[in-house]
Amino acid sequence: MKQLLIISAIFFSICLNAQTMETKSIHKFTTTDVNGNPFDFSSLKGKKIMVVNTASECGLTPQYEILQDMYEKYKNEDFVIIGFPSDSFNQEPGTDYEIAEFCRMIYEVTFPMMSKISVKGDDMHEVYQFLTQKSKNGLQDSEVQWNFQKYLIDENGHLVKVIDPKTLPNDPEIIEWIEG
């Protein structure tokens, strides 16, 4: 009887831990893409993800070109980039349609772009609440410092690293993570 209780307690602990880790996964979110279609992060299970908040009128906007090059290079290797346009720093005034056209025409972006959101403040999007709050992501608290901040997510949907906006997307540390 005592062994049965111990085994039951261990099983319950394992199940509870698995459930907790699942709730600390980006895979639980569904959002809207720049074309108004639902985008389910659970469709990315098994892929490494780089989430980036973007803006078209920022000094860091040329990072779009590097992001697109990386996406082309690694998209068939279980890696995806997800762009979240944001006007949180007053540098993305466009509508979703205008943002999509800008990305397509200027940088030939083909990686998934989401609908414009807020990445700071009281109206912060739930995906960014997850990315910036340790209680939700299980790794660390962070603040979005500027446009083009990068969040690296592992194949299980867990946050593994926050990368400074000025660090280029093709930085050796990021490439090593993608290829590792």
Protein backbone atom coordinates (compact mmCIF):
# COMPACT_ATOMS: atom_id res chain seq x y z
CA MET A 1 0.00 0.00 0.00
CA LYS A 2 2.82 2.39 0.91
CA GLN A 3 4.53 1.67 -2.42
CA LEU A 4 1.29 2.38 -4.27
CA LEU A 5 1.00 5.76 -2.53
CA ILE A 6 4.60 6.64 -3.38
CA ILE A 7 4.13 5.62 -7.01
CA SER A 8 0.88 7.61 -7.18
CA ALA A 9 2.58 10.68 -5.70
CA ILE A 10 5.44 10.44 -8.19
CA PHE A 11 3.03 10.03 -11.10
CA PHE A 12 0.95 13.00 -9.92
CA SER A 13 4.11 15.12 -9.59
CA ILE A 14 5.25 14.19 -13.11
CA CYS A 15 1.82 14.98 -14.56
CA LEU A 16 1.62 18.28 -12.71
CA ASN A 17 5.11 19.26 -13.89
CA ALA A 18 4.26 18.33 -17.51
CA GLN A 19 1.06 20.38 -17.30
CA THR A 20 2.95 23.35 -15.82
CA MET A 21 5.57 23.19 -18.59
CA GLU A 22 2.81 23.06 -21.22
CA THR A 23 1.26 26.23 -19.78
CA LYS A 24 4.71 27.87 -20.03
CA SER A 25 4.77 27.24 -23.78
CA ILE A 26 4.12 29.68 -26.61
CA HIS A 27 2.25 26.83 -28.32
CA LYS A 28 -0.87 27.63 -26.27
CA PHE A 29 -1.45 30.92 -28.14
CA THR A 30 -3.49 31.71 -31.22
CA THR A 31 -3.19 35.17 -32.71
CA THR A 32 -4.05 36.92 -35.98
CA ASP A 33 -1.68 37.33 -38.89
CA VAL A 34 -1.23 40.53 -40.89
CA ASN A 35 -3.86 39.32 -43.40
CA GLY A 36 -6.51 38.80 -40.69
CA ASN A 37 -6.20 35.02 -40.56
CA PRO A 38 -5.86 33.03 -37.33
CA PHE A 39 -2.33 31.86 -36.55
CA ASP A 40 -2.00 28.97 -34.11
CA PHE A 41 1.40 28.68 -32.45
CA SER A 42 0.73 24.99 -31.77
CA SER A 43 1.36 24.49 -35.51
CA LEU A 44 5.02 25.28 -34.75
CA LYS A 45 5.60 22.38 -32.33
CA GLY A 46 8.98 20.84 -33.09
CA LYS A 47 10.40 24.06 -34.58
CA LYS A 48 12.73 26.66 -33.13
CA ILE A 49 11.10 30.09 -33.23
CA MET A 50 12.49 33.61 -33.25
CA VAL A 51 9.85 36.17 -32.29
CA VAL A 52 10.71 39.75 -33.27
CA ASN A 53 8.79 42.99 -32.73
CA THR A 54 9.17 45.05 -35.90
CA ALA A 55 8.64 48.60 -37.14
CA SER A 56 8.98 50.18 -40.58
CA GLU A 57 10.24 53.62 -39.49
CA CYS A 58 13.04 52.55 -37.15
CA GLY A 59 16.78 52.82 -37.58
CA LEU A 60 16.88 49.03 -37.10
CA THR A 61 14.36 48.36 -39.90
CA PRO A 62 17.11 47.09 -42.26
CA GLN A 63 17.24 44.02 -40.00
CA TYR A 64 14.25 42.82 -42.07
CA GLU A 65 16.72 41.95 -44.85
CA ILE A 66 18.84 39.79 -42.53
CA LEU A 67 15.74 38.19 -41.00
CA GLN A 68 14.47 37.27 -44.47
CA ASP A 69 17.86 35.85 -45.49
CA MET A 70 17.93 33.73 -42.32
CA TYR A 71 14.39 32.55 -42.86
CA GLU A 72 15.25 31.47 -46.41
CA LYS A 73 18.36 29.66 -45.20
CA TYR A 74 16.82 27.82 -42.23
CA LYS A 75 13.07 27.50 -42.92
CA ASN A 76 13.48 23.88 -44.06
CA GLU A 77 15.46 23.05 -40.92
CA ASP A 78 12.62 23.41 -38.41
CA PHE A 79 13.17 27.12 -37.79
CA VAL A 80 10.70 29.96 -38.23
CA ILE A 81 10.71 33.71 -37.66
CA ILE A 82 7.52 35.38 -36.49
CA GLY A 83 7.28 39.16 -36.88
CA PHE A 84 5.01 41.23 -34.66
CA PRO A 85 4.69 44.80 -35.98
CA SER A 86 4.27 47.27 -33.14
CA ASP A 87 3.85 51.00 -32.74
CA SER A 88 4.84 50.86 -29.06
CA PHE A 89 7.85 53.06 -29.87
CA ASN A 90 5.93 55.31 -32.31
CA GLN A 91 7.71 53.91 -35.36
CA GLU A 92 5.02 51.73 -36.98
CA PRO A 93 2.10 54.00 -37.94
CA GLY A 94 0.79 51.82 -40.78
CA THR A 95 -2.24 49.59 -40.98
CA ASP A 96 -1.81 45.82 -41.27
CA TYR A 97 -2.28 46.14 -45.04
CA GLU A 98 0.33 48.91 -45.31
CA ILE A 99 2.77 46.94 -43.14
CA ALA A 100 2.31 43.82 -45.27
CA GLU A 101 2.88 45.79 -48.47
CA PHE A 102 5.97 47.54 -47.06
CA CYS A 103 7.49 44.22 -45.95
CA ARG A 104 6.71 42.56 -49.27
CA MET A 105 7.77 45.40 -51.56
CA ILE A 106 10.88 46.68 -49.75
CA TYR A 107 12.28 43.56 -48.06
CA GLU A 108 10.47 40.71 -49.87
CA VAL A 109 9.46 39.28 -46.48
CA THR A 110 7.95 35.80 -46.64
CA PHE A 111 8.22 34.79 -42.98
CA PRO A 112 4.95 34.96 -41.01
CA MET A 113 3.96 38.48 -39.99
CA MET A 114 1.26 39.00 -37.39
CA SER A 115 -1.24 41.79 -36.97
CA LYS A 116 0.09 44.98 -35.35
CA ILE A 117 0.11 44.75 -31.55
CA SER A 118 1.38 46.50 -28.44
CA VAL A 119 4.52 45.05 -26.85
CA LYS A 120 4.49 47.34 -23.78
CA GLY A 121 2.08 48.93 -21.34
CA ASP A 122 -1.43 48.15 -20.20
CA ASP A 123 -2.51 46.90 -23.62
CA MET A 124 0.47 44.54 -24.09
CA HIS A 125 -0.50 41.57 -26.27
CA GLU A 126 -0.78 38.22 -24.46
CA VAL A 127 2.11 36.71 -26.44
CA TYR A 128 4.36 39.51 -25.20
CA GLN A 129 3.04 39.09 -21.66
CA PHE A 130 4.23 35.48 -21.98
CA LEU A 131 7.60 36.52 -23.43
CA THR A 132 8.31 39.20 -20.79
CA GLN A 133 6.96 37.69 -17.56
CA LYS A 134 8.83 34.90 -15.76
CA SER A 135 5.60 33.78 -14.09
CA LYS A 136 4.28 32.97 -17.58
CA ASN A 137 7.43 31.87 -19.46
CA GLY A 138 9.32 30.11 -16.65
CA LEU A 139 12.69 31.66 -17.60
CA GLN A 140 12.96 35.36 -16.84
CA ASP A 141 11.34 38.74 -16.62
CA SER A 142 12.34 41.13 -19.39
CA GLU A 143 11.22 44.37 -20.91
CA VAL A 144 11.00 45.11 -24.61
CA GLN A 145 13.77 47.67 -24.96
CA TRP A 146 13.13 48.71 -28.56
CA ASN A 147 12.02 47.46 -31.96
CA PHE A 148 13.68 44.29 -33.25
CA GLN A 149 14.17 42.66 -29.86
CA LYS A 150 14.43 38.93 -30.42
CA TYR A 151 13.01 36.08 -28.35
CA LEU A 152 14.33 32.58 -28.98
CA ILE A 153 11.87 29.76 -28.37
CA ASP A 154 12.83 26.07 -28.39
CA GLU A 155 11.04 23.21 -30.16
CA ASN A 156 8.78 22.69 -27.12
CA GLY A 157 7.64 26.32 -27.12
CA HIS A 158 9.77 27.37 -24.15
CA LEU A 159 11.57 30.69 -24.01
CA VAL A 160 15.33 30.10 -23.94
CA LYS A 161 16.91 33.51 -24.61
CA VAL A 162 16.16 37.21 -25.02
CA ILE A 163 18.36 39.03 -27.54
CA ASP A 164 19.02 42.79 -27.53
CA PRO A 165 17.43 44.76 -30.41
CA LYS A 166 20.80 45.98 -31.75
CA THR A 167 22.18 42.44 -31.95
CA LEU A 168 21.83 41.42 -35.57
CA PRO A 169 19.67 38.38 -36.30
CA ASN A 170 22.66 36.60 -37.85
CA ASP A 171 24.86 37.03 -34.78
CA PRO A 172 27.04 33.92 -34.22
CA GLU A 173 25.26 33.19 -30.91
CA ILE A 174 21.90 33.04 -32.70
CA ILE A 175 23.25 30.99 -35.62
CA GLU A 176 24.82 28.52 -33.17
CA TRP A 177 21.46 28.18 -31.38
CA ILE A 178 19.59 27.59 -34.66
CA GLU A 179 22.10 25.02 -35.89
CA GLY A 180 22.58 23.36 -32.48
